[in-house]
């Protein structure tokens, strides 16, 4: 199962995302995508790592290539957040990879196929009608399109508004019925999504 959680800054996304794992009895991973810069960032990360450990999460620092993460099959993963992951993939080498969006999408589907539950926290971008410099505009475009494609692939999509989770899509039961009737899952063996391919 894949759940996408979106919303603005400080709207309760993380708190809601963590609550989805309360009843999960298997191994739980928190996949952190933010690169630490400076002593304060490292101290904050260590503090958050200890806090999540008390909730049963094992922290994995994974800044790129999330599909290659070494996790136990059938476990649960909280990926936070997609915005940082996109920035790392786009700007890490100092240029904009042409297939960046599709590469990240395929990495996430590979990660999903290893898990029983994948929860992705992302950010609502591109709704402020402000023009930015070209690099930022490209980042907003990639993240916005990726959010759209992941929302389409996800079993459930939730927007957090002022701390209140609002369900935008809940296809868990209907998707299960469809998969049982067809015997297939379009994302289990790879994907052919948008203009790119992965598998």
Protein backbone atom coordinates (compact mmCIF):
# COMPACT_ATOMS: atom_id res chain seq x y z
CA UNK A 1 0.00 0.00 0.00
CA UNK A 2 1.25 3.48 -0.86
CA UNK A 3 -0.09 6.64 0.80
CA UNK A 4 0.83 10.16 -0.31
CA UNK A 5 0.48 12.99 2.21
CA UNK A 6 0.62 16.58 1.02
CA UNK A 7 0.04 20.06 2.41
CA UNK A 8 1.73 23.33 3.22
CA UNK A 9 4.46 24.06 5.73
CA UNK A 10 3.83 23.21 9.41
CA UNK A 11 0.39 21.77 8.70
CA UNK A 12 0.72 18.49 10.60
CA UNK A 13 1.89 16.25 7.76
CA UNK A 14 4.65 14.56 9.76
CA UNK A 15 2.52 13.95 12.83
CA UNK A 16 -0.26 12.42 10.75
CA UNK A 17 2.19 10.32 8.71
CA UNK A 18 3.76 8.84 11.85
CA UNK A 19 0.32 7.99 13.25
CA UNK A 20 -0.32 5.68 10.29
CA UNK A 21 2.33 3.33 11.66
CA UNK A 22 0.90 3.00 15.17
CA UNK A 23 -0.76 -0.35 14.47
CA UNK A 24 2.00 -1.76 12.26
CA UNK A 25 3.70 -4.65 14.07
CA UNK A 26 6.56 -5.28 11.66
CA UNK A 27 9.82 -3.48 11.06
CA UNK A 28 9.44 0.28 10.51
CA UNK A 29 11.90 2.59 8.78
CA UNK A 30 12.05 6.36 8.68
CA UNK A 31 13.79 7.34 5.43
CA UNK A 32 15.25 10.82 5.92
CA UNK A 33 16.12 12.70 2.72
CA UNK A 34 17.35 16.03 4.11
CA UNK A 35 21.08 16.57 3.75
CA UNK A 36 22.52 18.02 6.98
CA UNK A 37 24.50 21.25 6.76
CA UNK A 38 26.20 22.59 9.89
CA UNK A 39 26.32 21.54 13.53
CA UNK A 40 22.76 22.64 14.30
CA UNK A 41 21.38 20.43 11.54
CA UNK A 42 23.35 17.44 12.78
CA UNK A 43 22.15 18.03 16.33
CA UNK A 44 18.54 18.31 15.17
CA UNK A 45 18.84 15.11 13.15
CA UNK A 46 20.26 13.21 16.12
CA UNK A 47 17.46 14.54 18.35
CA UNK A 48 14.81 13.49 15.83
CA UNK A 49 16.47 10.10 15.35
CA UNK A 50 16.17 9.38 19.09
CA UNK A 51 12.57 10.62 19.13
CA UNK A 52 11.60 8.35 16.24
CA UNK A 53 13.41 5.39 17.81
CA UNK A 54 11.08 5.70 20.80
CA UNK A 55 8.21 5.19 18.33
CA UNK A 56 9.78 2.06 16.89
CA UNK A 57 11.35 3.59 13.75
CA UNK A 58 14.80 2.78 12.44
CA UNK A 59 16.24 5.81 10.66
CA UNK A 60 17.86 5.50 7.24
CA UNK A 61 19.61 8.53 5.77
CA UNK A 62 18.94 8.22 2.03
CA UNK A 63 19.44 11.40 0.01
CA UNK A 64 19.13 9.88 -3.49
CA UNK A 65 18.40 6.51 -5.13
CA UNK A 66 15.70 5.51 -2.63
CA UNK A 67 14.88 2.45 -4.72
CA UNK A 68 18.23 0.96 -3.75
CA UNK A 69 17.57 1.20 0.01
CA UNK A 70 18.46 -1.95 1.92
CA UNK A 71 15.28 -2.72 3.85
CA UNK A 72 13.57 -5.86 5.05
CA UNK A 73 10.94 -7.12 2.58
CA UNK A 74 7.41 -6.56 3.85
CA UNK A 75 8.44 -3.78 6.20
CA UNK A 76 6.94 -0.28 6.43
CA UNK A 77 8.67 2.93 5.31
CA UNK A 78 7.97 6.59 6.00
CA UNK A 79 9.76 8.68 3.36
CA UNK A 80 10.19 12.32 4.40
CA UNK A 81 10.23 14.28 2.37
CA UNK A 82 9.79 14.18 -1.38
CA UNK A 83 10.73 17.85 -1.73
CA UNK A 84 14.21 17.25 -0.35
CA UNK A 85 14.63 14.12 -2.45
CA UNK A 86 13.81 16.01 -5.65
CA UNK A 87 16.25 18.80 -4.75
CA UNK A 88 19.01 16.28 -4.05
CA UNK A 89 18.45 14.45 -7.34
CA UNK A 90 18.21 17.66 -9.37
CA UNK A 91 21.02 19.73 -7.90
CA UNK A 92 23.37 17.17 -6.40
CA UNK A 93 25.56 16.98 -9.50
CA UNK A 94 25.24 20.67 -10.31
CA UNK A 95 22.93 20.18 -13.29
CA UNK A 96 19.39 19.10 -14.13
CA UNK A 97 19.21 15.43 -15.23
CA UNK A 98 16.80 15.20 -18.14
CA UNK A 99 15.07 12.11 -16.77
CA UNK A 100 15.02 13.26 -13.15
CA UNK A 101 11.25 13.03 -12.63
CA UNK A 102 10.89 9.59 -14.13
CA UNK A 103 13.98 8.33 -12.31
CA UNK A 104 12.58 9.39 -8.92
CA UNK A 105 9.16 7.94 -9.73
CA UNK A 106 10.68 4.59 -10.66
CA UNK A 107 12.87 4.60 -7.54
CA UNK A 108 9.78 5.11 -5.40
CA UNK A 109 7.88 2.32 -7.13
CA UNK A 110 10.88 0.01 -6.54
CA UNK A 111 10.80 1.00 -2.88
CA UNK A 112 7.03 0.44 -2.71
CA UNK A 113 7.42 -3.07 -4.09
CA UNK A 114 9.68 -3.98 -1.17
CA UNK A 115 7.24 -2.79 1.48
CA UNK A 116 3.88 -3.60 2.99
CA UNK A 117 3.30 0.09 3.63
CA UNK A 118 4.98 3.12 2.07
CA UNK A 119 3.97 6.58 3.29
CA UNK A 120 5.40 9.56 1.40
CA UNK A 121 5.34 13.11 2.75
CA UNK A 122 5.48 15.80 0.09
CA UNK A 123 4.90 19.54 -0.22
CA UNK A 124 2.25 21.57 -1.99
CA UNK A 125 4.17 23.72 -4.48
CA UNK A 126 3.37 26.05 -7.35
CA UNK A 127 0.16 27.55 -5.96
CA UNK A 128 1.53 30.94 -4.90
CA UNK A 129 1.58 32.46 -8.44
CA UNK A 130 5.06 33.89 -7.83
CA UNK A 131 7.75 33.74 -10.52
CA UNK A 132 11.15 32.48 -9.38
CA UNK A 133 14.55 32.16 -11.04
CA UNK A 134 14.83 29.40 -13.62
CA UNK A 135 16.34 26.74 -11.35
CA UNK A 136 13.59 27.13 -8.77
CA UNK A 137 10.91 27.18 -11.47
CA UNK A 138 12.25 23.90 -12.84
CA UNK A 139 12.27 22.38 -9.35
CA UNK A 140 8.64 23.41 -8.79
CA UNK A 141 7.69 21.94 -12.16
CA UNK A 142 9.37 18.60 -11.47
CA UNK A 143 7.99 18.28 -7.94
CA UNK A 144 4.50 19.29 -9.06
CA UNK A 145 4.42 16.73 -11.88
CA UNK A 146 5.89 14.06 -9.62
CA UNK A 147 3.23 14.78 -6.99
CA UNK A 148 0.57 14.33 -9.68
CA UNK A 149 1.98 11.01 -10.91
CA UNK A 150 2.45 9.64 -7.40
CA UNK A 151 -1.07 10.69 -6.46
CA UNK A 152 -2.32 8.70 -9.43
CA UNK A 153 -0.27 5.65 -8.42
CA UNK A 154 -1.04 5.88 -4.70
CA UNK A 155 -3.76 3.90 -2.97
CA UNK A 156 -4.61 6.87 -0.80
CA UNK A 157 -3.91 10.62 -0.92
CA UNK A 158 -4.37 12.89 2.08
CA UNK A 159 -3.97 16.67 2.37
CA UNK A 160 -3.25 18.08 5.81
CA UNK A 161 -4.94 21.44 6.37
CA UNK A 162 -4.27 23.22 9.69
CA UNK A 163 -3.58 19.87 11.32
CA UNK A 164 -6.69 18.23 9.89
CA UNK A 165 -6.17 15.30 7.47
CA UNK A 166 -8.51 15.62 4.47
CA UNK A 167 -8.78 12.50 2.30
CA UNK A 168 -8.54 13.38 -1.39
CA UNK A 169 -8.40 9.81 -2.68
CA UNK A 170 -9.12 6.47 -1.06
CA UNK A 171 -8.95 3.63 -3.53
CA UNK A 172 -7.68 0.95 -1.16
CA UNK A 173 -10.74 -1.28 -1.25
CA UNK A 174 -11.57 -0.70 -4.92
CA UNK A 175 -7.92 -1.25 -5.91
CA UNK A 176 -7.85 -4.54 -3.98
CA UNK A 177 -10.96 -5.72 -5.77
CA UNK A 178 -9.51 -4.75 -9.15
CA UNK A 179 -6.23 -6.54 -8.50
CA UNK A 180 -8.01 -9.68 -7.32
CA UNK A 181 -10.18 -9.75 -10.44
CA UNK A 182 -7.34 -9.15 -12.88
CA UNK A 183 -4.55 -10.87 -10.97
CA UNK A 184 -2.21 -8.00 -11.78
CA UNK A 185 -0.67 -4.92 -10.24
CA UNK A 186 0.66 -2.43 -12.79
CA UNK A 187 3.49 -1.37 -10.46
CA UNK A 188 4.72 -4.76 -9.20
CA UNK A 189 7.00 -5.64 -12.07
CA UNK A 190 8.15 -2.20 -13.13
CA UNK A 191 6.42 0.76 -14.69
CA UNK A 192 5.82 2.48 -17.97
CA UNK A 193 4.80 5.91 -16.78
CA UNK A 194 4.62 9.21 -18.58
CA UNK A 195 7.42 9.59 -21.13
CA UNK A 196 9.88 7.29 -19.37
CA UNK A 197 10.14 3.65 -18.52
CA UNK A 198 11.45 1.75 -15.56
CA UNK A 199 11.59 -1.83 -14.54
